Amino acid sequence: MVVVHEDDVKCEEAPPHGAIGMSTAYRISDAAPRPRAMEFRKRVLHTGAAIGLHRLDHDEVYYVLAGTGEVSADGAARTLTPGMAAYLYSGAVVGIRQLGAEPLAIIVSYPTPA
């Protein structure tokens, strides 16, 4: 077992896939030694920030903790609010952006490469 406090894995950085705006990343699963079968991360997208469009090579879940966001998958867009999740499929071109005044806090989880 590995127990991780998010403050121990917190860093400020531009979001992946385009460096659109700024975010706070919590690389929770990085504290678990490899091999491990999944990634589990929290990311807070600051106002105007986005994880840019990118093609998935695995299934992935975005779960909203706080704020409002717009998730895109293969050209379709949906608004997400707290308590909502988007299950995204391998092969899809996906991204998510922060909307409104409140930062968008999400959990991102996906399998690690075999």
N, C-alpha and C. Protein backbone atom coordinates (compact mmCIF):
# COMPACT_ATOMS: atom_id res chain seq x y z
N MET A 1 0.85 -1.18 0.00
CA MET A 1 0.00 0.00 0.00
C MET A 1 0.89 1.24 0.00
N VAL A 2 0.44 2.23 -0.72
CA VAL A 2 1.08 3.54 -0.73
C VAL A 2 -0.01 4.56 -0.39
N VAL A 3 0.24 5.39 0.59
CA VAL A 3 -0.69 6.45 0.96
C VAL A 3 -0.05 7.78 0.59
N VAL A 4 -0.80 8.62 -0.10
CA VAL A 4 -0.25 9.87 -0.64
C VAL A 4 -1.14 11.04 -0.22
N HIS A 5 -0.53 12.09 0.28
CA HIS A 5 -1.27 13.34 0.50
C HIS A 5 -1.03 14.23 -0.72
N GLU A 6 -2.07 14.82 -1.26
CA GLU A 6 -1.94 15.59 -2.49
C GLU A 6 -0.94 16.74 -2.38
N ASP A 7 -0.77 17.31 -1.20
CA ASP A 7 0.20 18.40 -1.05
C ASP A 7 1.63 17.95 -1.31
N ASP A 8 1.90 16.65 -1.14
CA ASP A 8 3.25 16.13 -1.35
C ASP A 8 3.58 15.92 -2.82
N VAL A 9 2.58 15.96 -3.70
CA VAL A 9 2.81 15.72 -5.13
C VAL A 9 2.29 16.87 -5.99
N LYS A 10 2.11 18.03 -5.39
CA LYS A 10 1.53 19.21 -6.04
C LYS A 10 2.59 19.99 -6.81
N CYS A 11 2.24 20.44 -8.02
CA CYS A 11 3.13 21.34 -8.76
C CYS A 11 2.30 22.23 -9.68
N GLU A 12 2.80 23.43 -9.91
CA GLU A 12 2.17 24.39 -10.82
C GLU A 12 2.82 24.22 -12.19
N GLU A 13 2.00 24.05 -13.22
CA GLU A 13 2.53 23.84 -14.57
C GLU A 13 1.46 24.13 -15.60
N ALA A 14 1.91 24.32 -16.83
CA ALA A 14 0.97 24.44 -17.94
C ALA A 14 0.33 23.07 -18.15
N PRO A 15 -0.95 23.02 -18.51
CA PRO A 15 -1.59 21.73 -18.76
C PRO A 15 -0.96 21.03 -19.97
N PRO A 16 -1.11 19.71 -20.04
CA PRO A 16 -0.55 18.98 -21.18
C PRO A 16 -1.31 19.24 -22.48
N HIS A 17 -0.70 18.87 -23.58
CA HIS A 17 -1.32 18.91 -24.90
C HIS A 17 -1.66 20.33 -25.32
N GLY A 18 -0.66 21.17 -25.34
CA GLY A 18 -0.83 22.53 -25.85
C GLY A 18 -0.46 23.64 -24.91
N ALA A 19 -0.22 23.33 -23.63
CA ALA A 19 0.18 24.35 -22.65
C ALA A 19 -0.73 25.57 -22.70
N ILE A 20 -2.06 25.33 -22.64
CA ILE A 20 -3.04 26.40 -22.71
C ILE A 20 -3.34 26.86 -21.29
N GLY A 21 -2.81 28.02 -20.90
CA GLY A 21 -3.02 28.54 -19.56
C GLY A 21 -2.14 27.85 -18.53
N MET A 22 -2.59 27.91 -17.27
CA MET A 22 -1.85 27.29 -16.16
C MET A 22 -2.76 26.38 -15.37
N SER A 23 -2.11 25.46 -14.63
CA SER A 23 -2.86 24.50 -13.82
C SER A 23 -2.05 24.11 -12.60
N THR A 24 -2.74 23.49 -11.66
CA THR A 24 -2.08 22.85 -10.53
C THR A 24 -2.26 21.35 -10.73
N ALA A 25 -1.16 20.63 -10.78
CA ALA A 25 -1.19 19.18 -11.00
C ALA A 25 -0.86 18.46 -9.71
N TYR A 26 -1.57 17.37 -9.48
CA TYR A 26 -1.33 16.50 -8.33
C TYR A 26 -1.09 15.10 -8.91
N ARG A 27 0.15 14.72 -9.04
CA ARG A 27 0.52 13.44 -9.66
C ARG A 27 0.50 12.33 -8.61
N ILE A 28 -0.69 11.99 -8.18
CA ILE A 28 -0.89 11.10 -7.05
C ILE A 28 -0.27 9.73 -7.30
N SER A 29 -0.54 9.12 -8.43
CA SER A 29 -0.03 7.77 -8.67
C SER A 29 1.48 7.73 -8.88
N ASP A 30 2.11 8.86 -9.18
CA ASP A 30 3.57 8.87 -9.33
C ASP A 30 4.28 8.45 -8.04
N ALA A 31 3.61 8.56 -6.90
CA ALA A 31 4.21 8.16 -5.63
C ALA A 31 4.22 6.64 -5.46
N ALA A 32 3.45 5.92 -6.27
CA ALA A 32 3.44 4.46 -6.22
C ALA A 32 4.53 3.92 -7.14
N PRO A 33 5.36 3.02 -6.64
CA PRO A 33 6.45 2.52 -7.49
C PRO A 33 5.92 1.71 -8.67
N ARG A 34 6.69 1.71 -9.73
CA ARG A 34 6.37 0.88 -10.90
C ARG A 34 6.87 -0.53 -10.62
N PRO A 35 6.27 -1.56 -11.15
CA PRO A 35 5.16 -1.44 -12.10
C PRO A 35 3.85 -1.17 -11.39
N ARG A 36 3.01 -0.39 -12.05
CA ARG A 36 1.65 -0.15 -11.59
C ARG A 36 0.75 -0.16 -12.83
N ALA A 37 -0.51 -0.44 -12.63
CA ALA A 37 -1.40 -0.65 -13.77
C ALA A 37 -2.22 0.57 -14.15
N MET A 38 -2.17 1.64 -13.32
CA MET A 38 -3.01 2.78 -13.65
C MET A 38 -2.38 4.09 -13.20
N GLU A 39 -2.85 5.16 -13.79
CA GLU A 39 -2.51 6.51 -13.37
C GLU A 39 -3.76 7.12 -12.74
N PHE A 40 -3.55 7.89 -11.68
CA PHE A 40 -4.64 8.57 -10.98
C PHE A 40 -4.11 9.94 -10.62
N ARG A 41 -4.71 10.97 -11.20
CA ARG A 41 -4.20 12.33 -11.01
C ARG A 41 -5.35 13.31 -10.79
N LYS A 42 -5.04 14.36 -10.08
CA LYS A 42 -5.96 15.48 -9.93
C LYS A 42 -5.32 16.65 -10.65
N ARG A 43 -6.13 17.43 -11.36
CA ARG A 43 -5.62 18.63 -12.01
C ARG A 43 -6.64 19.73 -11.83
N VAL A 44 -6.16 20.91 -11.49
CA VAL A 44 -7.02 22.08 -11.38
C VAL A 44 -6.63 23.02 -12.52
N LEU A 45 -7.55 23.20 -13.45
CA LEU A 45 -7.32 24.11 -14.57
C LEU A 45 -7.73 25.51 -14.13
N HIS A 46 -6.77 26.43 -14.16
CA HIS A 46 -7.04 27.81 -13.77
C HIS A 46 -7.89 28.48 -14.85
N THR A 47 -8.40 29.67 -14.58
CA THR A 47 -9.27 30.37 -15.50
C THR A 47 -8.64 30.45 -16.90
N GLY A 48 -9.39 30.00 -17.90
CA GLY A 48 -8.95 30.04 -19.28
C GLY A 48 -8.06 28.89 -19.70
N ALA A 49 -7.75 27.96 -18.82
CA ALA A 49 -6.83 26.88 -19.13
C ALA A 49 -7.55 25.69 -19.77
N ALA A 50 -6.77 24.85 -20.46
CA ALA A 50 -7.33 23.66 -21.11
C ALA A 50 -6.27 22.59 -21.28
N ILE A 51 -6.73 21.36 -21.22
CA ILE A 51 -5.94 20.23 -21.70
C ILE A 51 -6.31 20.13 -23.17
N GLY A 52 -5.36 20.40 -24.04
CA GLY A 52 -5.64 20.50 -25.47
C GLY A 52 -6.03 19.18 -26.10
N LEU A 53 -6.57 19.28 -27.30
CA LEU A 53 -7.00 18.10 -28.03
C LEU A 53 -5.82 17.16 -28.28
N HIS A 54 -6.07 15.86 -28.04
CA HIS A 54 -5.06 14.83 -28.26
C HIS A 54 -5.76 13.49 -28.47
N ARG A 55 -5.11 12.59 -29.20
CA ARG A 55 -5.68 11.27 -29.47
C ARG A 55 -5.30 10.33 -28.34
N LEU A 56 -6.28 9.60 -27.83
CA LEU A 56 -6.03 8.64 -26.75
C LEU A 56 -5.58 7.30 -27.31
N ASP A 57 -4.65 6.67 -26.61
CA ASP A 57 -4.27 5.29 -26.95
C ASP A 57 -4.71 4.33 -25.84
N HIS A 58 -5.69 4.78 -25.03
CA HIS A 58 -6.26 4.01 -23.93
C HIS A 58 -7.58 4.67 -23.55
N ASP A 59 -8.43 3.96 -22.83
CA ASP A 59 -9.62 4.60 -22.27
C ASP A 59 -9.18 5.53 -21.14
N GLU A 60 -9.96 6.57 -20.89
CA GLU A 60 -9.59 7.56 -19.87
C GLU A 60 -10.87 8.14 -19.27
N VAL A 61 -10.82 8.53 -18.00
CA VAL A 61 -11.96 9.13 -17.33
C VAL A 61 -11.57 10.50 -16.80
N TYR A 62 -12.42 11.50 -17.05
CA TYR A 62 -12.33 12.81 -16.42
C TYR A 62 -13.52 12.91 -15.46
N TYR A 63 -13.26 13.15 -14.18
CA TYR A 63 -14.31 13.29 -13.17
C TYR A 63 -14.21 14.68 -12.57
N VAL A 64 -15.30 15.44 -12.58
CA VAL A 64 -15.28 16.83 -12.12
C VAL A 64 -15.57 16.91 -10.62
N LEU A 65 -14.63 17.55 -9.90
CA LEU A 65 -14.77 17.80 -8.46
C LEU A 65 -15.37 19.17 -8.18
N ALA A 66 -14.96 20.19 -8.96
CA ALA A 66 -15.40 21.57 -8.74
C ALA A 66 -15.28 22.34 -10.05
N GLY A 67 -16.10 23.37 -10.19
CA GLY A 67 -16.04 24.22 -11.37
C GLY A 67 -16.87 23.65 -12.52
N THR A 68 -16.71 24.29 -13.66
CA THR A 68 -17.43 23.89 -14.88
C THR A 68 -16.42 23.76 -16.01
N GLY A 69 -16.61 22.73 -16.81
CA GLY A 69 -15.72 22.52 -17.94
C GLY A 69 -16.49 22.06 -19.15
N GLU A 70 -15.81 22.08 -20.28
CA GLU A 70 -16.37 21.55 -21.52
C GLU A 70 -15.41 20.49 -22.03
N VAL A 71 -15.90 19.27 -22.11
CA VAL A 71 -15.10 18.16 -22.62
C VAL A 71 -15.46 17.95 -24.09
N SER A 72 -14.46 17.65 -24.89
CA SER A 72 -14.66 17.37 -26.32
C SER A 72 -14.15 15.98 -26.62
N ALA A 73 -14.88 15.28 -27.48
CA ALA A 73 -14.44 13.96 -27.95
C ALA A 73 -14.90 13.81 -29.40
N ASP A 74 -13.94 13.72 -30.29
CA ASP A 74 -14.22 13.55 -31.72
C ASP A 74 -15.20 14.58 -32.24
N GLY A 75 -15.04 15.84 -31.82
CA GLY A 75 -15.84 16.94 -32.33
C GLY A 75 -17.13 17.22 -31.58
N ALA A 76 -17.55 16.31 -30.71
CA ALA A 76 -18.74 16.54 -29.89
C ALA A 76 -18.30 17.16 -28.57
N ALA A 77 -19.06 18.13 -28.06
CA ALA A 77 -18.71 18.81 -26.81
C ALA A 77 -19.87 18.71 -25.83
N ARG A 78 -19.52 18.53 -24.55
CA ARG A 78 -20.52 18.48 -23.48
C ARG A 78 -20.01 19.28 -22.29
N THR A 79 -20.92 19.96 -21.60
CA THR A 79 -20.58 20.68 -20.39
C THR A 79 -20.59 19.71 -19.22
N LEU A 80 -19.57 19.81 -18.37
CA LEU A 80 -19.47 18.98 -17.17
C LEU A 80 -19.46 19.88 -15.94
N THR A 81 -20.15 19.45 -14.89
CA THR A 81 -20.19 20.14 -13.62
C THR A 81 -19.88 19.12 -12.51
N PRO A 82 -19.69 19.57 -11.27
CA PRO A 82 -19.31 18.65 -10.20
C PRO A 82 -20.23 17.42 -10.10
N GLY A 83 -19.59 16.28 -9.93
CA GLY A 83 -20.29 15.01 -9.85
C GLY A 83 -20.47 14.32 -11.18
N MET A 84 -20.07 14.96 -12.27
CA MET A 84 -20.18 14.36 -13.60
C MET A 84 -18.84 13.80 -14.03
N ALA A 85 -18.91 12.73 -14.84
CA ALA A 85 -17.71 12.12 -15.38
C ALA A 85 -17.88 11.93 -16.88
N ALA A 86 -16.78 12.01 -17.60
CA ALA A 86 -16.76 11.68 -19.03
C ALA A 86 -15.87 10.46 -19.19
N TYR A 87 -16.42 9.38 -19.71
CA TYR A 87 -15.65 8.18 -20.04
C TYR A 87 -15.27 8.31 -21.50
N LEU A 88 -13.97 8.37 -21.76
CA LEU A 88 -13.45 8.64 -23.10
C LEU A 88 -12.77 7.37 -23.62
N TYR A 89 -12.98 7.08 -24.89
CA TYR A 89 -12.52 5.82 -25.46
C TYR A 89 -11.22 5.94 -26.23
N SER A 90 -10.46 4.86 -26.21
CA SER A 90 -9.22 4.77 -26.97
C SER A 90 -9.49 5.10 -28.44
N GLY A 91 -8.61 5.89 -29.04
CA GLY A 91 -8.74 6.29 -30.43
C GLY A 91 -9.44 7.62 -30.62
N ALA A 92 -10.15 8.11 -29.61
CA ALA A 92 -10.86 9.39 -29.71
C ALA A 92 -9.87 10.56 -29.59
N VAL A 93 -10.21 11.66 -30.22
CA VAL A 93 -9.46 12.91 -30.05
C VAL A 93 -10.23 13.71 -29.00
N VAL A 94 -9.58 13.97 -27.85
CA VAL A 94 -10.27 14.53 -26.69
C VAL A 94 -9.53 15.74 -26.13
N GLY A 95 -10.23 16.52 -25.32
CA GLY A 95 -9.66 17.63 -24.57
C GLY A 95 -10.70 18.15 -23.61
N ILE A 96 -10.29 18.99 -22.68
CA ILE A 96 -11.23 19.59 -21.74
C ILE A 96 -10.74 21.00 -21.42
N ARG A 97 -11.70 21.94 -21.30
CA ARG A 97 -11.34 23.32 -20.99
C ARG A 97 -12.18 23.84 -19.85
N GLN A 98 -11.60 24.75 -19.09
CA GLN A 98 -12.26 25.40 -17.97
C GLN A 98 -13.22 26.44 -18.50
N LEU A 99 -14.40 26.56 -17.87
CA LEU A 99 -15.39 27.58 -18.21
C LEU A 99 -15.75 28.36 -16.95
N GLY A 100 -16.12 29.62 -17.09
CA GLY A 100 -16.60 30.42 -15.97
C GLY A 100 -15.49 30.98 -15.10
N ALA A 101 -15.90 31.47 -13.92
CA ALA A 101 -14.96 32.16 -13.02
C ALA A 101 -14.22 31.22 -12.08
N GLU A 102 -14.78 30.07 -11.78
CA GLU A 102 -14.18 29.14 -10.82
C GLU A 102 -13.24 28.17 -11.53
N PRO A 103 -12.06 27.88 -10.95
CA PRO A 103 -11.18 26.88 -11.54
C PRO A 103 -11.90 25.53 -11.67
N LEU A 104 -11.47 24.75 -12.64
CA LEU A 104 -12.03 23.43 -12.90
C LEU A 104 -11.12 22.37 -12.28
N ALA A 105 -11.61 21.67 -11.27
CA ALA A 105 -10.85 20.61 -10.61
C ALA A 105 -11.38 19.27 -11.09
N ILE A 106 -10.47 18.44 -11.64
CA ILE A 106 -10.86 17.14 -12.17
C ILE A 106 -9.92 16.04 -11.67
N ILE A 107 -10.43 14.84 -11.66
CA ILE A 107 -9.62 13.64 -11.50
C ILE A 107 -9.47 13.05 -12.89
N VAL A 108 -8.26 12.65 -13.24
CA VAL A 108 -7.99 11.98 -14.51
C VAL A 108 -7.41 10.61 -14.18
N SER A 109 -7.99 9.56 -14.75
CA SER A 109 -7.50 8.23 -14.49
C SER A 109 -7.46 7.44 -15.79
N TYR A 110 -6.39 6.64 -15.96
CA TYR A 110 -6.22 5.84 -17.17
C TYR A 110 -5.18 4.75 -16.90
N PRO A 111 -5.20 3.69 -17.71
CA PRO A 111 -4.23 2.62 -17.51
C PRO A 111 -2.84 3.05 -17.98
N THR A 112 -1.82 2.48 -17.38
CA THR A 112 -0.45 2.72 -17.82
C THR A 112 -0.16 1.83 -19.03
N PRO A 113 0.82 2.20 -19.83
CA PRO A 113 1.17 1.35 -20.97
C PRO A 113 1.61 -0.04 -20.48
N ALA A 114 1.28 -1.03 -21.28
CA ALA A 114 1.66 -2.42 -20.92
C ALA A 114 3.17 -2.59 -20.95
